[in-house]
């Protein structure tokens, strides 16, 4: 009996350690995947501002999922093609070789919560424009409420709602549930 305990106990101990290691490895892999997702979503938000500032409306629209919805002060559009059209109609088509020399978006207080291939994000923005003497002046600010999903291996906006804060813009009825 004593011999069997001496043989069985080490086997059980090794098995328990291996099972614990597998569980720890899986937890670590999930944590790394979540942290990488959060980083990629922060980059998505930064690219959004960069494309908008460059008047690269096709690049901007490409950040949205195939069924992604953009809701801004200009209205709402679904899908990259419609989003690009909405921007062009409201901001005008940029001249060839356009270089932005007078305004930019500053994105701040970004949070992202990843759950598998879906996520939510929140951020704030301030738009700065050049004053007559060339100094940056904040012209308006607001916040974004986002739903993001992984589509074809890339994080894309599935729903992005802009809420104007300064000056305040009353949300449209369709935005009321997203505050």
Foldseek 3Di string as FASTA:
>chain_A
DVVVCVVVVVVVVVVVVVVVVVVVVVVVVVVVVFVVVFVQVVVLVVQLFVCVLQVVLLSNLVQADQQAWEQEPLGIDGGSVRSSVSCCVVVNRDDPPDDRDFKTKDKDDWDWGDDPFKIKIKIKIWMWTQDPVGDTDTDWMWMKTFIWGQDPNHIHTRYIHTATVVVGDDDDPVCVVVD
